[in-house]
Amino acid sequence: AAAAGSAGAPEELEAPATTPAATTAAGPAGPSRPARLPLSRVKALVKADPDVSLASQEAVFILARAAELFVDTLSKDAFIHTQHGKRKTLQRKDLDNAIEALDEFAFLEGTLD
């Protein structure tokens, strides 16, 4: 994340993609909206780390995409708990249950307290 350079994904992205294939683009050369998170905000978060002096646009894009995939996975797993509770609205307890149920989310235990 400390590489120099500014080529790659645009700083701010445009309208959302309309097809599932478009949202799974592998890189900045893909459709008009390969990432949903604002890259300027992701870059600001990366630069907030005192150990990071420079972050390339490609690194920021990959971090934004990874965050999107993470949130997507966690929310889908939490929604399964919502459906098991015969509800339509995802609640915090559903996130807690998803975190407790899967080993891959073990690092999040106790973070929502």
Foldseek 3Di string as FASTA:
>chain_A
DQDDDEDFADQAADDDDDDPVQCCDPGRVGDRDVADDRLPVLVVVVCVDPVHDHDYSRRSVVVRSVVVVVVVVLVVQLVVVCVVVVHDDRDPVSSQVSLVVDPVNVVCPPVVD
